[in-house]
């Protein structure tokens, strides 16, 4: 089985790609799907970083998870969402360069 860092890296990569694709105009169902994927991968990756003492990155990822929360969604203008999507995608891709140390579990 893969370790938590490999799984979280995969989800962050997928989320970053989906966020870039969201900059264009997509069907509304795409944005619902995007919220679930980005929120889930952000919270999971934030937990992985938090466990491995990379707390700065964990807070960035937790905030992204809150912004993309599908249960209580934020309703913002398209232009603002495009900026948030770009910023979040950049953070997701940058976080791929950070390698948390393995835990002793």
C-alpha atoms as a PDB file:
ATOM      1  CA  UNK A   1       0.000   0.000   0.000  1.00  0.00           C
ATOM      2  CA  UNK A   2       1.182   3.482  -0.771  1.00  0.00           C
ATOM      3  CA  UNK A   3       2.012   5.861   2.017  1.00  0.00           C
ATOM      4  CA  UNK A   4      -0.089   8.911   2.867  1.00  0.00           C
ATOM      5  CA  UNK A   5       2.251  11.346   1.100  1.00  0.00           C
ATOM      6  CA  UNK A   6       1.994   9.541  -2.249  1.00  0.00           C
ATOM      7  CA  UNK A   7      -1.782   9.382  -2.022  1.00  0.00           C
ATOM      8  CA  UNK A   8      -2.084  13.030  -1.022  1.00  0.00           C
ATOM      9  CA  UNK A   9       0.331  14.054  -3.824  1.00  0.00           C
ATOM     10  CA  UNK A  10      -1.846  12.247  -6.353  1.00  0.00           C
ATOM     11  CA  UNK A  11      -4.985  13.999  -5.089  1.00  0.00           C
ATOM     12  CA  UNK A  12      -3.260  17.408  -5.052  1.00  0.00           C
ATOM     13  CA  UNK A  13      -2.110  16.906  -8.643  1.00  0.00           C
ATOM     14  CA  UNK A  14      -5.626  15.933  -9.779  1.00  0.00           C
ATOM     15  CA  UNK A  15      -7.110  18.884  -7.861  1.00  0.00           C
ATOM     16  CA  UNK A  16      -4.648  21.314  -9.442  1.00  0.00           C
ATOM     17  CA  UNK A  17      -5.525  20.086 -12.931  1.00  0.00           C
ATOM     18  CA  UNK A  18      -9.264  20.282 -12.232  1.00  0.00           C
ATOM     19  CA  UNK A  19      -8.855  23.810 -10.845  1.00  0.00           C
ATOM     20  CA  UNK A  20      -7.073  24.933 -14.025  1.00  0.00           C
ATOM     21  CA  UNK A  21      -9.852  23.417 -16.139  1.00  0.00           C
ATOM     22  CA  UNK A  22     -12.422  25.293 -14.021  1.00  0.00           C
ATOM     23  CA  UNK A  23     -11.121  28.648 -15.267  1.00  0.00           C
ATOM     24  CA  UNK A  24     -13.076  28.181 -18.499  1.00  0.00           C
ATOM     25  CA  UNK A  25     -16.802  27.841 -18.650  1.00  0.00           C
ATOM     26  CA  UNK A  26     -18.021  24.423 -17.546  1.00  0.00           C
ATOM     27  CA  UNK A  27     -21.381  22.898 -16.727  1.00  0.00           C
ATOM     28  CA  UNK A  28     -22.639  23.571 -13.225  1.00  0.00           C
ATOM     29  CA  UNK A  29     -22.242  19.883 -12.349  1.00  0.00           C
ATOM     30  CA  UNK A  30     -18.490  20.218 -12.998  1.00  0.00           C
ATOM     31  CA  UNK A  31     -18.223  22.849 -10.269  1.00  0.00           C
ATOM     32  CA  UNK A  32     -20.133  20.664  -7.807  1.00  0.00           C
ATOM     33  CA  UNK A  33     -17.750  17.789  -8.634  1.00  0.00           C
ATOM     34  CA  UNK A  34     -14.805  20.198  -8.297  1.00  0.00           C
ATOM     35  CA  UNK A  35     -15.912  21.280  -4.814  1.00  0.00           C
ATOM     36  CA  UNK A  36     -16.071  17.675  -3.579  1.00  0.00           C
ATOM     37  CA  UNK A  37     -12.691  16.701  -5.031  1.00  0.00           C
ATOM     38  CA  UNK A  38     -10.807  19.853  -4.003  1.00  0.00           C
ATOM     39  CA  UNK A  39     -12.335  19.973  -0.526  1.00  0.00           C
ATOM     40  CA  UNK A  40     -11.638  16.300   0.139  1.00  0.00           C
ATOM     41  CA  UNK A  41      -8.095  16.331  -1.193  1.00  0.00           C
ATOM     42  CA  UNK A  42      -7.278  19.585   0.609  1.00  0.00           C
ATOM     43  CA  UNK A  43      -8.517  18.370   3.978  1.00  0.00           C
ATOM     44  CA  UNK A  44      -6.796  14.988   3.561  1.00  0.00           C
ATOM     45  CA  UNK A  45      -3.524  16.578   2.406  1.00  0.00           C
ATOM     46  CA  UNK A  46      -3.708  19.161   5.177  1.00  0.00           C
ATOM     47  CA  UNK A  47      -4.020  16.324   7.677  1.00  0.00           C
ATOM     48  CA  UNK A  48      -0.991  14.566   6.122  1.00  0.00           C
ATOM     49  CA  UNK A  49       1.087  17.754   6.353  1.00  0.00           C
ATOM     50  CA  UNK A  50      -0.138  18.452   9.890  1.00  0.00           C
ATOM     51  CA  UNK A  51       0.907  14.952  11.008  1.00  0.00           C
ATOM     52  CA  UNK A  52       4.386  15.508   9.634  1.00  0.00           C
ATOM     53  CA  UNK A  53       5.032  18.936  11.172  1.00  0.00           C
ATOM     54  CA  UNK A  54       4.507  20.972   7.982  1.00  0.00           C
ATOM     55  CA  UNK A  55       1.869  23.097   9.687  1.00  0.00           C
ATOM     56  CA  UNK A  56       2.178  26.115   7.360  1.00  0.00           C
ATOM     57  CA  UNK A  57       1.179  23.996   4.395  1.00  0.00           C
ATOM     58  CA  UNK A  58      -1.529  22.269   6.373  1.00  0.00           C
ATOM     59  CA  UNK A  59      -3.214  25.593   7.144  1.00  0.00           C
ATOM     60  CA  UNK A  60      -3.108  26.669   3.480  1.00  0.00           C
ATOM     61  CA  UNK A  61      -4.724  23.389   2.493  1.00  0.00           C
ATOM     62  CA  UNK A  62      -7.337  23.538   5.275  1.00  0.00           C
ATOM     63  CA  UNK A  63      -8.331  27.039   4.111  1.00  0.00           C
ATOM     64  CA  UNK A  64      -8.689  25.814   0.522  1.00  0.00           C
ATOM     65  CA  UNK A  65     -10.853  22.978   1.858  1.00  0.00           C
ATOM     66  CA  UNK A  66     -13.095  25.448   3.665  1.00  0.00           C
ATOM     67  CA  UNK A  67     -13.443  27.705   0.615  1.00  0.00           C
ATOM     68  CA  UNK A  68     -14.403  24.747  -1.598  1.00  0.00           C
ATOM     69  CA  UNK A  69     -16.713  23.221   1.022  1.00  0.00           C
ATOM     70  CA  UNK A  70     -19.580  21.515  -0.870  1.00  0.00           C
ATOM     71  CA  UNK A  71     -21.912  21.284   2.140  1.00  0.00           C
ATOM     72  CA  UNK A  72     -22.160  25.045   2.762  1.00  0.00           C
ATOM     73  CA  UNK A  73     -20.895  26.521  -0.519  1.00  0.00           C
ATOM     74  CA  UNK A  74     -19.778  30.091  -1.047  1.00  0.00           C
ATOM     75  CA  UNK A  75     -21.539  31.900  -3.877  1.00  0.00           C
ATOM     76  CA  UNK A  76     -19.189  34.372  -5.542  1.00  0.00           C
ATOM     77  CA  UNK A  77     -18.821  36.065  -8.945  1.00  0.00           C
ATOM     78  CA  UNK A  78     -17.279  34.062 -11.783  1.00  0.00           C
ATOM     79  CA  UNK A  79     -14.237  36.374 -11.970  1.00  0.00           C
ATOM     80  CA  UNK A  80     -13.542  35.986  -8.247  1.00  0.00           C
ATOM     81  CA  UNK A  81     -13.900  32.202  -8.519  1.00  0.00           C
ATOM     82  CA  UNK A  82     -11.453  32.204 -11.436  1.00  0.00           C
ATOM     83  CA  UNK A  83      -8.887  34.040  -9.319  1.00  0.00           C
ATOM     84  CA  UNK A  84      -9.471  31.636  -6.399  1.00  0.00           C
ATOM     85  CA  UNK A  85      -9.141  28.680  -8.784  1.00  0.00           C
ATOM     86  CA  UNK A  86      -5.815  29.950 -10.133  1.00  0.00           C
ATOM     87  CA  UNK A  87      -4.453  30.727  -6.662  1.00  0.00           C
ATOM     88  CA  UNK A  88      -5.582  27.354  -5.313  1.00  0.00           C
ATOM     89  CA  UNK A  89      -4.119  25.492  -8.302  1.00  0.00           C
ATOM     90  CA  UNK A  90      -0.772  27.245  -7.817  1.00  0.00           C
ATOM     91  CA  UNK A  91      -0.764  26.289  -4.127  1.00  0.00           C
ATOM     92  CA  UNK A  92      -1.664  22.695  -4.987  1.00  0.00           C
ATOM     93  CA  UNK A  93       1.179  22.456  -7.511  1.00  0.00           C
ATOM     94  CA  UNK A  94       3.648  24.193  -5.168  1.00  0.00           C
ATOM     95  CA  UNK A  95       2.738  21.822  -2.357  1.00  0.00           C
ATOM     96  CA  UNK A  96       3.867  18.911  -4.546  1.00  0.00           C
ATOM     97  CA  UNK A  97       7.454  20.124  -4.068  1.00  0.00           C
ATOM     98  CA  UNK A  98       7.166  19.854  -0.272  1.00  0.00           C
ATOM     99  CA  UNK A  99       7.936  16.371   0.941  1.00  0.00           C
ATOM    100  CA  UNK A 100       6.736  15.621   4.459  1.00  0.00           C
ATOM    101  CA  UNK A 101       8.835  13.210   6.449  1.00  0.00           C
ATOM    102  CA  UNK A 102       7.333   9.792   7.060  1.00  0.00           C
ATOM    103  CA  UNK A 103       5.620   9.205  10.354  1.00  0.00           C
ATOM    104  CA  UNK A 104       6.487   6.296  12.611  1.00  0.00           C
ATOM    105  CA  UNK A 105       3.053   4.741  12.440  1.00  0.00           C
END
